[in-house]
Structures are given as structure tokens and as C-alpha cells.
Amino acid sequence: MGMSPVQLLIVLAIVVVLFGTKRLRNLGGDLGGAIKGFRNSMHEGEEKSKVSQKDDSSIEVEIESDSKHKVK
């Protein structure tokens, strides 16, 4: 069901003929930059999530400490 190495080489040769090596090189660089930007965005999102979770837990602690003072 999969492609054999010979079929893969034929497809690669057709792509090179259609687009040319210079355009493929630029496409590869652009694709690499897009992937790098995506990874950086995901990393920043995880950091923001961790910060917001820490903020939420500190708020809960403050509320609990306030309620303890009110009870006494």
C-alpha cells in the first residue's frame, strides 16, 4: 500500500523539475521558520499557563487565609 523508494524518487524528481531547486530551498527555509515560530508560541503558551495556575493557587490561599481569620 505504501510507496516504494523508486516511486518516491520519481515523485521527488517531478517536484524538482516543476518548482526548481531555488524555489524548493526557499520553501524549505520558510517552512522551517514557520515551525520554529509555532514551537516558540507553544512554549510561551505553556509558560503563561503555568503562571496563571500559580496565580490562581495564590489567590485561593489568600481566600482561605481570609476565611480562617473571619471564622476565629
N, C-alpha and C. Protein backbone atom coordinates (compact mmCIF):
# COMPACT_ATOMS: atom_id res chain seq x y z
N MET A 1 0.81 -1.19 0.00
CA MET A 1 0.00 0.00 0.00
C MET A 1 0.86 1.26 0.00
N GLY A 2 2.04 1.23 0.65
CA GLY A 2 2.90 2.39 0.73
C GLY A 2 3.68 2.59 -0.57
N MET A 3 4.43 3.67 -0.59
CA MET A 3 5.23 3.97 -1.77
C MET A 3 6.60 3.30 -1.65
N SER A 4 7.06 2.75 -2.75
CA SER A 4 8.39 2.16 -2.76
C SER A 4 9.42 3.28 -2.92
N PRO A 5 10.67 3.02 -2.59
CA PRO A 5 11.71 4.05 -2.75
C PRO A 5 11.83 4.55 -4.20
N VAL A 6 11.61 3.70 -5.16
CA VAL A 6 11.69 4.12 -6.56
C VAL A 6 10.57 5.10 -6.88
N GLN A 7 9.36 4.81 -6.43
CA GLN A 7 8.24 5.72 -6.66
C GLN A 7 8.48 7.06 -5.96
N LEU A 8 9.04 7.03 -4.78
CA LEU A 8 9.33 8.25 -4.04
C LEU A 8 10.36 9.10 -4.78
N LEU A 9 11.38 8.47 -5.34
CA LEU A 9 12.39 9.21 -6.12
C LEU A 9 11.80 9.81 -7.38
N ILE A 10 10.88 9.11 -8.03
CA ILE A 10 10.23 9.66 -9.22
C ILE A 10 9.40 10.89 -8.86
N VAL A 11 8.65 10.82 -7.77
CA VAL A 11 7.85 11.97 -7.33
C VAL A 11 8.77 13.13 -6.98
N LEU A 12 9.87 12.86 -6.30
CA LEU A 12 10.82 13.91 -5.94
C LEU A 12 11.41 14.56 -7.19
N ALA A 13 11.75 13.77 -8.18
CA ALA A 13 12.30 14.31 -9.43
C ALA A 13 11.29 15.20 -10.13
N ILE A 14 10.02 14.80 -10.13
CA ILE A 14 8.98 15.61 -10.77
C ILE A 14 8.81 16.94 -10.03
N VAL A 15 8.85 16.90 -8.71
CA VAL A 15 8.72 18.13 -7.91
C VAL A 15 9.88 19.07 -8.19
N VAL A 16 11.09 18.54 -8.30
CA VAL A 16 12.27 19.37 -8.57
C VAL A 16 12.16 20.00 -9.96
N VAL A 17 11.70 19.24 -10.93
CA VAL A 17 11.56 19.77 -12.29
C VAL A 17 10.49 20.86 -12.33
N LEU A 18 9.38 20.64 -11.64
CA LEU A 18 8.29 21.62 -11.66
C LEU A 18 8.65 22.92 -10.94
N PHE A 19 9.23 22.82 -9.77
CA PHE A 19 9.46 24.00 -8.94
C PHE A 19 10.88 24.54 -9.01
N GLY A 20 11.84 23.72 -9.30
CA GLY A 20 13.23 24.16 -9.33
C GLY A 20 13.85 24.11 -7.95
N THR A 21 15.16 23.98 -7.92
CA THR A 21 15.84 23.83 -6.64
C THR A 21 15.84 25.10 -5.81
N LYS A 22 15.92 26.26 -6.48
CA LYS A 22 15.96 27.52 -5.73
C LYS A 22 14.65 27.76 -4.99
N ARG A 23 13.53 27.53 -5.65
CA ARG A 23 12.24 27.74 -5.02
C ARG A 23 12.02 26.71 -3.89
N LEU A 24 12.47 25.49 -4.09
CA LEU A 24 12.35 24.47 -3.05
C LEU A 24 13.21 24.82 -1.84
N ARG A 25 14.39 25.39 -2.07
CA ARG A 25 15.27 25.79 -0.97
C ARG A 25 14.60 26.91 -0.16
N ASN A 26 14.00 27.88 -0.85
CA ASN A 26 13.30 28.96 -0.16
C ASN A 26 12.09 28.42 0.60
N LEU A 27 11.39 27.49 -0.02
CA LEU A 27 10.23 26.88 0.63
C LEU A 27 10.65 26.14 1.89
N GLY A 28 11.77 25.45 1.83
CA GLY A 28 12.27 24.73 3.00
C GLY A 28 12.63 25.68 4.13
N GLY A 29 13.26 26.80 3.80
CA GLY A 29 13.61 27.79 4.82
C GLY A 29 12.38 28.42 5.44
N ASP A 30 11.39 28.73 4.59
CA ASP A 30 10.15 29.32 5.10
C ASP A 30 9.40 28.33 5.99
N LEU A 31 9.37 27.08 5.58
CA LEU A 31 8.70 26.07 6.37
C LEU A 31 9.41 25.87 7.71
N GLY A 32 10.73 25.87 7.70
CA GLY A 32 11.48 25.74 8.94
C GLY A 32 11.23 26.91 9.88
N GLY A 33 11.16 28.12 9.33
CA GLY A 33 10.87 29.31 10.15
C GLY A 33 9.47 29.25 10.74
N ALA A 34 8.52 28.76 9.96
CA ALA A 34 7.15 28.65 10.46
C ALA A 34 7.06 27.63 11.59
N ILE A 35 7.75 26.52 11.45
CA ILE A 35 7.74 25.50 12.50
C ILE A 35 8.40 26.04 13.76
N LYS A 36 9.50 26.78 13.60
CA LYS A 36 10.19 27.35 14.75
C LYS A 36 9.29 28.37 15.47
N GLY A 37 8.59 29.19 14.70
CA GLY A 37 7.67 30.15 15.30
C GLY A 37 6.53 29.47 16.03
N PHE A 38 6.02 28.39 15.45
CA PHE A 38 4.94 27.63 16.09
C PHE A 38 5.42 27.05 17.42
N ARG A 39 6.61 26.47 17.42
CA ARG A 39 7.14 25.88 18.66
C ARG A 39 7.35 26.95 19.73
N ASN A 40 7.86 28.13 19.32
CA ASN A 40 8.05 29.21 20.29
C ASN A 40 6.72 29.66 20.87
N SER A 41 5.70 29.75 20.03
CA SER A 41 4.38 30.15 20.51
C SER A 41 3.81 29.13 21.48
N MET A 42 4.01 27.86 21.17
CA MET A 42 3.52 26.81 22.07
C MET A 42 4.25 26.88 23.41
N HIS A 43 5.56 27.14 23.37
CA HIS A 43 6.35 27.23 24.60
C HIS A 43 5.88 28.42 25.44
N GLU A 44 5.63 29.57 24.79
CA GLU A 44 5.16 30.75 25.52
C GLU A 44 3.79 30.50 26.12
N GLY A 45 2.93 29.79 25.39
CA GLY A 45 1.60 29.48 25.91
C GLY A 45 1.67 28.59 27.13
N GLU A 46 2.59 27.64 27.13
CA GLU A 46 2.76 26.77 28.30
C GLU A 46 3.26 27.57 29.50
N GLU A 47 4.17 28.50 29.27
CA GLU A 47 4.69 29.32 30.36
C GLU A 47 3.58 30.20 30.94
N LYS A 48 2.76 30.79 30.08
CA LYS A 48 1.64 31.63 30.55
C LYS A 48 0.65 30.79 31.34
N SER A 49 0.42 29.57 30.89
CA SER A 49 -0.50 28.68 31.59
C SER A 49 0.03 28.36 32.98
N LYS A 50 1.33 28.11 33.10
CA LYS A 50 1.93 27.80 34.40
C LYS A 50 1.84 29.01 35.32
N VAL A 51 2.07 30.21 34.76
CA VAL A 51 2.00 31.43 35.57
C VAL A 51 0.58 31.65 36.05
N SER A 52 -0.41 31.46 35.17
CA SER A 52 -1.79 31.68 35.57
C SER A 52 -2.22 30.64 36.60
N GLN A 53 -1.72 29.40 36.50
CA GLN A 53 -2.05 28.40 37.51
C GLN A 53 -1.45 28.78 38.84
N LYS A 54 -0.24 29.33 38.85
CA LYS A 54 0.38 29.77 40.10
C LYS A 54 -0.42 30.94 40.69
N ASP A 55 -0.88 31.87 39.84
CA ASP A 55 -1.67 33.00 40.31
C ASP A 55 -2.98 32.51 40.91
N ASP A 56 -3.62 31.54 40.27
CA ASP A 56 -4.87 31.00 40.79
C ASP A 56 -4.67 30.35 42.15
N SER A 57 -3.59 29.62 42.33
CA SER A 57 -3.36 28.94 43.60
C SER A 57 -3.04 29.95 44.70
N SER A 58 -2.34 31.02 44.36
CA SER A 58 -2.05 32.02 45.38
C SER A 58 -3.31 32.78 45.78
N ILE A 59 -4.22 32.97 44.85
CA ILE A 59 -5.49 33.62 45.18
C ILE A 59 -6.30 32.73 46.11
N GLU A 60 -6.31 31.43 45.84
CA GLU A 60 -7.04 30.50 46.69
C GLU A 60 -6.48 30.49 48.10
N VAL A 61 -5.17 30.57 48.23
CA VAL A 61 -4.54 30.58 49.55
C VAL A 61 -4.93 31.84 50.29
N GLU A 62 -4.97 32.97 49.60
CA GLU A 62 -5.35 34.22 50.24
C GLU A 62 -6.79 34.16 50.71
N ILE A 63 -7.67 33.59 49.90
CA ILE A 63 -9.07 33.48 50.27
C ILE A 63 -9.21 32.57 51.48
N GLU A 64 -8.49 31.46 51.48
CA GLU A 64 -8.56 30.54 52.61
C GLU A 64 -8.04 31.20 53.88
N SER A 65 -6.97 31.96 53.77
CA SER A 65 -6.42 32.60 54.97
C SER A 65 -7.37 33.68 55.46
N ASP A 66 -8.05 34.40 54.55
CA ASP A 66 -9.01 35.40 54.97
C ASP A 66 -10.21 34.76 55.67
N SER A 67 -10.67 33.63 55.14
CA SER A 67 -11.81 32.95 55.74
C SER A 67 -11.45 32.39 57.12
N LYS A 68 -10.22 31.99 57.31
CA LYS A 68 -9.78 31.48 58.61
C LYS A 68 -9.79 32.61 59.64
N HIS A 69 -9.39 33.79 59.21
CA HIS A 69 -9.39 34.91 60.14
C HIS A 69 -10.82 35.32 60.49
N LYS A 70 -11.71 35.21 59.55
CA LYS A 70 -13.09 35.58 59.80
C LYS A 70 -13.76 34.58 60.74
N VAL A 71 -13.41 33.32 60.63
CA VAL A 71 -14.01 32.30 61.47
C VAL A 71 -13.59 32.47 62.91
N LYS A 72 -12.34 32.81 63.13
CA LYS A 72 -11.83 32.97 64.52
C LYS A 72 -12.36 34.22 65.06
